[in-house]
Protein backbone atom coordinates (compact mmCIF):
# COMPACT_ATOMS: atom_id res chain seq x y z
CA UNK A 1 70.73 -39.10 -120.09
CA UNK A 2 67.35 -38.45 -118.47
CA UNK A 3 66.57 -39.20 -114.83
CA UNK A 4 63.40 -39.43 -112.77
CA UNK A 5 62.20 -38.37 -109.33
CA UNK A 6 62.76 -41.99 -108.27
CA UNK A 7 66.42 -41.66 -109.25
CA UNK A 8 66.72 -38.57 -107.06
CA UNK A 9 65.06 -40.40 -104.16
CA UNK A 10 67.31 -43.43 -104.60
CA UNK A 11 70.42 -41.24 -104.71
CA UNK A 12 69.27 -39.51 -101.53
CA UNK A 13 68.67 -42.91 -99.89
CA UNK A 14 72.16 -44.15 -100.79
CA UNK A 15 74.09 -41.00 -99.86
CA UNK A 16 71.97 -39.31 -97.18
CA UNK A 17 72.32 -35.99 -99.04
CA UNK A 18 69.53 -33.45 -99.47
CA UNK A 19 67.05 -33.78 -102.33
CA UNK A 20 68.29 -30.64 -104.11
CA UNK A 21 71.92 -31.73 -103.75
CA UNK A 22 71.01 -35.09 -105.30
CA UNK A 23 69.03 -33.48 -108.12
CA UNK A 24 71.84 -31.05 -108.93
CA UNK A 25 74.39 -33.87 -108.88
CA UNK A 26 72.31 -35.88 -111.36
CA UNK A 27 71.97 -32.81 -113.59
CA UNK A 28 75.74 -32.28 -113.46
CA UNK A 29 76.30 -35.99 -114.19
CA UNK A 30 73.77 -36.00 -117.10
CA UNK A 31 71.69 -38.58 -115.25
CA UNK A 32 74.58 -41.02 -114.72
CA UNK A 33 73.90 -42.45 -111.25
CA UNK A 34 77.48 -43.55 -110.43
CA UNK A 35 78.88 -40.27 -111.69
CA UNK A 36 76.35 -38.38 -109.53
CA UNK A 37 77.59 -40.24 -106.44
CA UNK A 38 81.14 -39.22 -107.40
CA UNK A 39 80.02 -35.60 -107.77
CA UNK A 40 78.52 -35.67 -104.28
CA UNK A 41 81.68 -37.22 -102.86
CA UNK A 42 83.78 -34.56 -104.54
CA UNK A 43 81.53 -31.94 -102.95
CA UNK A 44 82.01 -33.79 -99.70
CA UNK A 45 85.75 -33.25 -100.00
CA UNK A 46 85.14 -29.52 -100.44
CA UNK A 47 82.68 -29.50 -97.55
CA UNK A 48 85.08 -31.27 -95.21
CA UNK A 49 87.87 -28.86 -96.19
CA UNK A 50 85.68 -25.89 -95.26
CA UNK A 51 84.94 -27.52 -91.91
CA UNK A 52 88.58 -28.40 -91.13
CA UNK A 53 89.09 -25.44 -88.79
CA UNK A 54 86.02 -26.20 -86.70
CA UNK A 55 86.27 -27.81 -83.27
CA UNK A 56 85.12 -31.43 -83.05
CA UNK A 57 85.05 -32.51 -79.39
CA UNK A 58 81.69 -34.27 -79.19
CA UNK A 59 80.75 -37.53 -80.90
CA UNK A 60 81.01 -40.91 -79.19
CA UNK A 61 83.14 -43.75 -77.94
CA UNK A 62 82.05 -47.17 -79.23
CA UNK A 63 83.18 -50.78 -78.73
CA UNK A 64 82.76 -53.93 -80.82
CA UNK A 65 83.89 -57.54 -80.31
CA UNK A 66 84.17 -60.07 -83.16
CA UNK A 67 85.62 -63.58 -82.69
CA UNK A 68 87.65 -62.73 -79.60
CA UNK A 69 88.97 -59.43 -80.95
CA UNK A 70 87.69 -56.23 -79.33
CA UNK A 71 88.10 -52.72 -80.72
CA UNK A 72 87.32 -49.39 -79.08
CA UNK A 73 87.26 -46.12 -81.02
CA UNK A 74 86.52 -42.46 -80.42
CA UNK A 75 85.04 -40.55 -83.34
CA UNK A 76 84.44 -36.86 -82.80
CA UNK A 77 81.82 -34.47 -84.16
CA UNK A 78 80.99 -30.82 -83.53
CA UNK A 79 77.75 -31.33 -81.58
CA UNK A 80 76.37 -34.00 -79.29
CA UNK A 81 73.26 -34.26 -81.50
CA UNK A 82 75.30 -36.28 -84.01
CA UNK A 83 75.95 -39.04 -81.45
CA UNK A 84 72.21 -39.77 -81.48
CA UNK A 85 72.11 -39.99 -85.28
CA UNK A 86 71.58 -43.64 -86.33
CA UNK A 87 73.49 -43.09 -89.57
CA UNK A 88 76.49 -41.79 -87.64
CA UNK A 89 76.36 -44.67 -85.15
CA UNK A 90 76.22 -47.17 -88.03
CA UNK A 91 79.20 -45.38 -89.58
CA UNK A 92 81.20 -45.77 -86.34
CA UNK A 93 80.27 -49.47 -86.20
CA UNK A 94 81.65 -49.76 -89.73
CA UNK A 95 84.89 -48.17 -88.57
CA UNK A 96 85.13 -50.70 -85.73
CA UNK A 97 84.61 -53.60 -88.16
CA UNK A 98 87.29 -52.10 -90.41
CA UNK A 99 89.70 -51.86 -87.46
CA UNK A 100 89.12 -55.48 -86.44
CA UNK A 101 89.45 -56.77 -90.02
CA UNK A 102 92.62 -54.81 -90.86
CA UNK A 103 94.34 -54.23 -87.48
CA UNK A 104 95.94 -50.95 -88.63
CA UNK A 105 98.94 -49.67 -86.67
CA UNK A 106 97.59 -46.15 -86.16
CA UNK A 107 94.96 -43.66 -87.29
CA UNK A 108 96.92 -42.76 -90.42
CA UNK A 109 97.04 -46.42 -91.46
CA UNK A 110 93.34 -46.82 -90.66
CA UNK A 111 92.41 -43.90 -92.93
CA UNK A 112 94.09 -45.70 -95.84
CA UNK A 113 92.16 -48.97 -95.24
CA UNK A 114 89.12 -49.93 -97.32
CA UNK A 115 86.01 -49.03 -95.33
CA UNK A 116 83.96 -52.06 -94.29
CA UNK A 117 81.99 -53.50 -97.21
CA UNK A 118 83.13 -50.87 -99.74
CA UNK A 119 85.95 -50.11 -102.16
CA UNK A 120 86.39 -46.64 -100.67
CA UNK A 121 89.03 -45.73 -98.10
CA UNK A 122 88.10 -44.79 -94.55
CA UNK A 123 89.31 -41.28 -95.36
CA UNK A 124 86.87 -41.05 -98.27
CA UNK A 125 84.10 -42.42 -96.05
CA UNK A 126 84.82 -39.66 -93.53
CA UNK A 127 84.68 -37.03 -96.27
CA UNK A 128 81.35 -38.32 -97.51
CA UNK A 129 79.87 -38.57 -94.00
CA UNK A 130 81.10 -35.06 -93.19
CA UNK A 131 79.22 -33.84 -96.24
CA UNK A 132 75.99 -35.72 -95.53
CA UNK A 133 75.84 -34.90 -91.82
CA UNK A 134 77.03 -31.34 -92.25
CA UNK A 135 79.56 -31.32 -89.41
CA UNK A 136 83.27 -31.81 -89.13
CA UNK A 137 83.97 -35.43 -88.15
CA UNK A 138 87.34 -36.74 -87.04
CA UNK A 139 88.85 -40.11 -86.18
CA UNK A 140 90.65 -39.45 -82.90
CA UNK A 141 91.93 -42.78 -81.59
CA UNK A 142 91.35 -46.52 -81.38
CA UNK A 143 92.80 -49.63 -79.80
CA UNK A 144 92.54 -53.40 -80.22
CA UNK A 145 92.47 -55.99 -77.43
CA UNK A 146 92.64 -59.76 -77.97
CA UNK A 147 91.32 -62.39 -75.59
CA UNK A 148 88.85 -62.52 -72.72
CA UNK A 149 87.43 -59.09 -71.99
CA UNK A 150 84.51 -57.24 -70.47
CA UNK A 151 83.30 -54.01 -72.02
CA UNK A 152 81.09 -51.13 -70.95
CA UNK A 153 79.89 -47.97 -72.69
CA UNK A 154 78.31 -45.29 -70.52
CA UNK A 155 75.48 -43.15 -71.84
CA UNK A 156 75.46 -42.39 -75.54
CA UNK A 157 79.15 -43.10 -75.98
CA UNK A 158 80.36 -40.76 -73.22
CA UNK A 159 82.84 -43.26 -71.75
CA UNK A 160 84.11 -46.61 -73.00
CA UNK A 161 85.89 -49.28 -70.97
CA UNK A 162 87.63 -52.53 -71.88
CA UNK A 163 89.00 -54.81 -69.14
CA UNK A 164 91.17 -57.80 -70.10
CA UNK A 165 91.27 -60.94 -67.94
CA UNK A 166 93.54 -63.94 -67.73
CA UNK A 167 91.45 -67.04 -67.00
CA UNK A 168 90.52 -70.27 -68.75
CA UNK A 169 87.73 -70.59 -71.30
CA UNK A 170 85.56 -72.77 -69.04
CA UNK A 171 85.42 -70.08 -66.33
CA UNK A 172 84.97 -67.30 -68.89
CA UNK A 173 81.91 -69.12 -70.26
CA UNK A 174 80.09 -69.08 -66.92
CA UNK A 175 77.33 -66.49 -66.38
CA UNK A 176 78.77 -65.74 -62.95
CA UNK A 177 82.03 -64.68 -64.61
CA UNK A 178 80.15 -62.45 -67.06
CA UNK A 179 78.44 -60.66 -64.17
CA UNK A 180 81.73 -60.32 -62.27
CA UNK A 181 83.58 -59.03 -65.36
CA UNK A 182 80.87 -56.46 -66.03
CA UNK A 183 81.19 -55.24 -62.44
CA UNK A 184 84.94 -54.73 -62.91
CA UNK A 185 84.29 -52.73 -66.09
CA UNK A 186 81.75 -50.61 -64.18
CA UNK A 187 84.38 -50.04 -61.47
CA UNK A 188 86.83 -48.68 -64.04
CA UNK A 189 84.12 -46.42 -65.48
CA UNK A 190 83.02 -45.15 -62.06
CA UNK A 191 86.42 -44.67 -60.41
CA UNK A 192 89.46 -42.96 -61.86
CA UNK A 193 92.53 -45.21 -61.72
CA UNK A 194 95.79 -45.37 -63.63
CA UNK A 195 97.25 -48.81 -62.92
CA UNK A 196 96.03 -52.38 -62.47
CA UNK A 197 98.07 -53.11 -59.32
CA UNK A 198 101.13 -52.03 -57.32
CA UNK A 199 103.49 -53.91 -59.62
CA UNK A 200 102.18 -51.89 -62.57
CA UNK A 201 103.25 -48.56 -61.06
CA UNK A 202 106.59 -47.45 -62.59
CA UNK A 203 109.48 -47.07 -60.14
CA UNK A 204 109.92 -43.46 -61.27
CA UNK A 205 106.33 -42.67 -60.22
CA UNK A 206 106.85 -44.23 -56.77
CA UNK A 207 110.14 -42.34 -56.33
CA UNK A 208 108.47 -39.05 -57.23
CA UNK A 209 105.58 -39.75 -54.85
CA UNK A 210 108.03 -40.54 -52.02
CA UNK A 211 109.89 -37.29 -52.71
CA UNK A 212 106.65 -35.31 -52.48
CA UNK A 213 105.70 -37.03 -49.21
CA UNK A 214 109.15 -36.39 -47.68
CA UNK A 215 109.05 -32.70 -48.64
CA UNK A 216 105.61 -32.37 -47.08
CA UNK A 217 106.92 -33.97 -43.90
CA UNK A 218 109.97 -31.66 -43.81
CA UNK A 219 107.60 -28.69 -43.72
CA UNK A 220 105.57 -30.18 -40.87
CA UNK A 221 107.00 -29.14 -37.44
CA UNK A 222 105.35 -32.19 -35.83
CA UNK A 223 107.66 -34.46 -37.82
CA UNK A 224 110.90 -32.73 -36.78
CA UNK A 225 111.87 -35.08 -33.93
CA UNK A 226 110.35 -38.32 -35.20
CA UNK A 227 112.71 -41.31 -35.45
CA UNK A 228 113.68 -42.45 -38.96
CA UNK A 229 111.78 -45.70 -38.53
CA UNK A 230 108.59 -43.82 -37.65
CA UNK A 231 109.05 -41.49 -40.63
CA UNK A 232 109.53 -44.48 -42.90
CA UNK A 233 106.31 -45.99 -41.57
CA UNK A 234 104.45 -42.75 -42.29
CA UNK A 235 105.85 -42.68 -45.84
CA UNK A 236 104.71 -46.26 -46.44
CA UNK A 237 101.28 -45.45 -45.06
CA UNK A 238 100.91 -42.50 -47.41
CA UNK A 239 102.10 -44.65 -50.32
CA UNK A 240 99.36 -47.10 -49.37
CA UNK A 241 96.82 -44.30 -49.82
CA UNK A 242 98.38 -43.54 -53.21
CA UNK A 243 97.95 -47.17 -54.27
CA UNK A 244 94.33 -47.20 -53.06
CA UNK A 245 93.58 -44.14 -55.18
CA UNK A 246 95.44 -45.15 -58.32
CA UNK A 247 95.52 -48.97 -58.54
CA UNK A 248 92.38 -50.83 -59.59
CA UNK A 249 92.78 -53.92 -57.39
CA UNK A 250 93.64 -51.73 -54.36
CA UNK A 251 90.50 -49.61 -54.69
CA UNK A 252 87.39 -50.05 -52.58
CA UNK A 253 84.88 -52.05 -54.62
CA UNK A 254 82.05 -49.65 -55.54
CA UNK A 255 79.28 -52.16 -54.83
CA UNK A 256 80.71 -53.14 -51.44
CA UNK A 257 83.09 -50.46 -50.18
CA UNK A 258 84.39 -52.48 -47.21
CA UNK A 259 85.99 -54.86 -49.73
CA UNK A 260 88.87 -54.14 -52.09
CA UNK A 261 88.55 -54.98 -55.78
CA UNK A 262 91.44 -57.44 -55.40
CA UNK A 263 89.50 -59.44 -52.81
CA UNK A 264 86.41 -59.41 -55.02
CA UNK A 265 88.54 -60.89 -57.84
CA UNK A 266 90.03 -63.53 -55.51
CA UNK A 267 86.65 -64.47 -54.02
CA UNK A 268 85.10 -64.84 -57.47
CA UNK A 269 88.00 -67.00 -58.69
CA UNK A 270 87.61 -69.25 -55.65
CA UNK A 271 83.84 -69.52 -56.09
CA UNK A 272 84.26 -70.45 -59.77
CA UNK A 273 87.02 -72.96 -59.04
CA UNK A 274 89.92 -71.45 -60.94
CA UNK A 275 92.26 -68.49 -61.38
CA UNK A 276 91.25 -65.02 -62.53
CA UNK A 277 93.60 -62.10 -63.01
CA UNK A 278 92.90 -58.59 -64.25
CA UNK A 279 95.59 -58.11 -66.90
CA UNK A 280 94.84 -54.61 -68.17
CA UNK A 281 92.15 -52.01 -68.59
CA UNK A 282 91.53 -49.23 -71.11
CA UNK A 283 89.24 -46.24 -70.71
CA UNK A 284 88.28 -43.55 -73.24
CA UNK A 285 86.37 -40.46 -72.14
CA UNK A 286 84.76 -38.67 -75.08
CA UNK A 287 86.47 -35.36 -75.83
CA UNK A 288 89.01 -35.82 -73.05
CA UNK A 289 91.74 -33.21 -73.43
CA UNK A 290 90.17 -31.63 -76.52
CA UNK A 291 89.32 -27.95 -76.80
CA UNK A 292 85.59 -27.40 -76.35
CA UNK A 293 83.43 -24.82 -78.07
CA UNK A 294 82.69 -21.88 -75.79
CA UNK A 295 79.49 -20.80 -77.48
CA UNK A 296 76.40 -21.10 -75.35
CA UNK A 297 73.20 -22.76 -76.49
CA UNK A 298 71.24 -19.51 -76.90
CA UNK A 299 73.92 -18.05 -79.16
CA UNK A 300 73.96 -21.25 -81.22
CA UNK A 301 70.18 -21.13 -81.75
CA UNK A 302 70.42 -17.43 -82.65
CA UNK A 303 73.02 -18.22 -85.30
CA UNK A 304 70.79 -20.93 -86.75
CA UNK A 305 67.81 -18.58 -86.92
CA UNK A 306 69.93 -15.92 -88.63
CA UNK A 307 71.03 -18.54 -91.13
């Protein structure tokens, strides 16, 4: 079966592969367009296998909300250049739509889902995208949040934040609430915190923190003759500092540091005539905890020049 230059161009448009790869695939497939796509995908499998040992710690964190369901995902690549690639960003958006539509239990279940708008699995879509982009890509993690939320993505997918609120629909619809909710999401992005409030801190964490404080005090000669009641007051004071550092509503509000986040929430609720509670927050930092490549930029360019 013969094929034309237009066929090669169309195959390139649909797959994102190089012109020679597309031409060779059509030759191998005797001009059969669908078979040529399959050939390229099969090569994609081989390409992704070769790249399996590479380190993928770049990429991006992305967030999407559809009909009250919000998904956040981290997809990793080898270099930060890929995060700026429109094809890659569209691919990640497709993953988010797939997550929202299928609500998979984990990454393994997600990889078996049909990729948004196609009959291919997410795993196959990753293999094909790995081949077309030329870098190892990996699906690291995702989560789904239902209900009233505020979201924020910093930079080109460097950090993603979802904050969930408990309030009524009428308040959530107000522009003042939207501005407030965005500020809370910015707070989570700007300040490191682990818990929403004091009640969210596990008893085991508080017990461990108290133990550390007591041991520090035992080693301080100034504390030797202090009455038990005074020592207890010092412990509670230090725990207060712990809460201020680790609990969102106890933190100083970044836009007005003489006010705690909790007071900002309460003041906003009062101004809007209802109740607002921060229920939970989620934060992904791109590449957090992953091994990073130790090559420097000059060495990378040298390798490219040497081919």
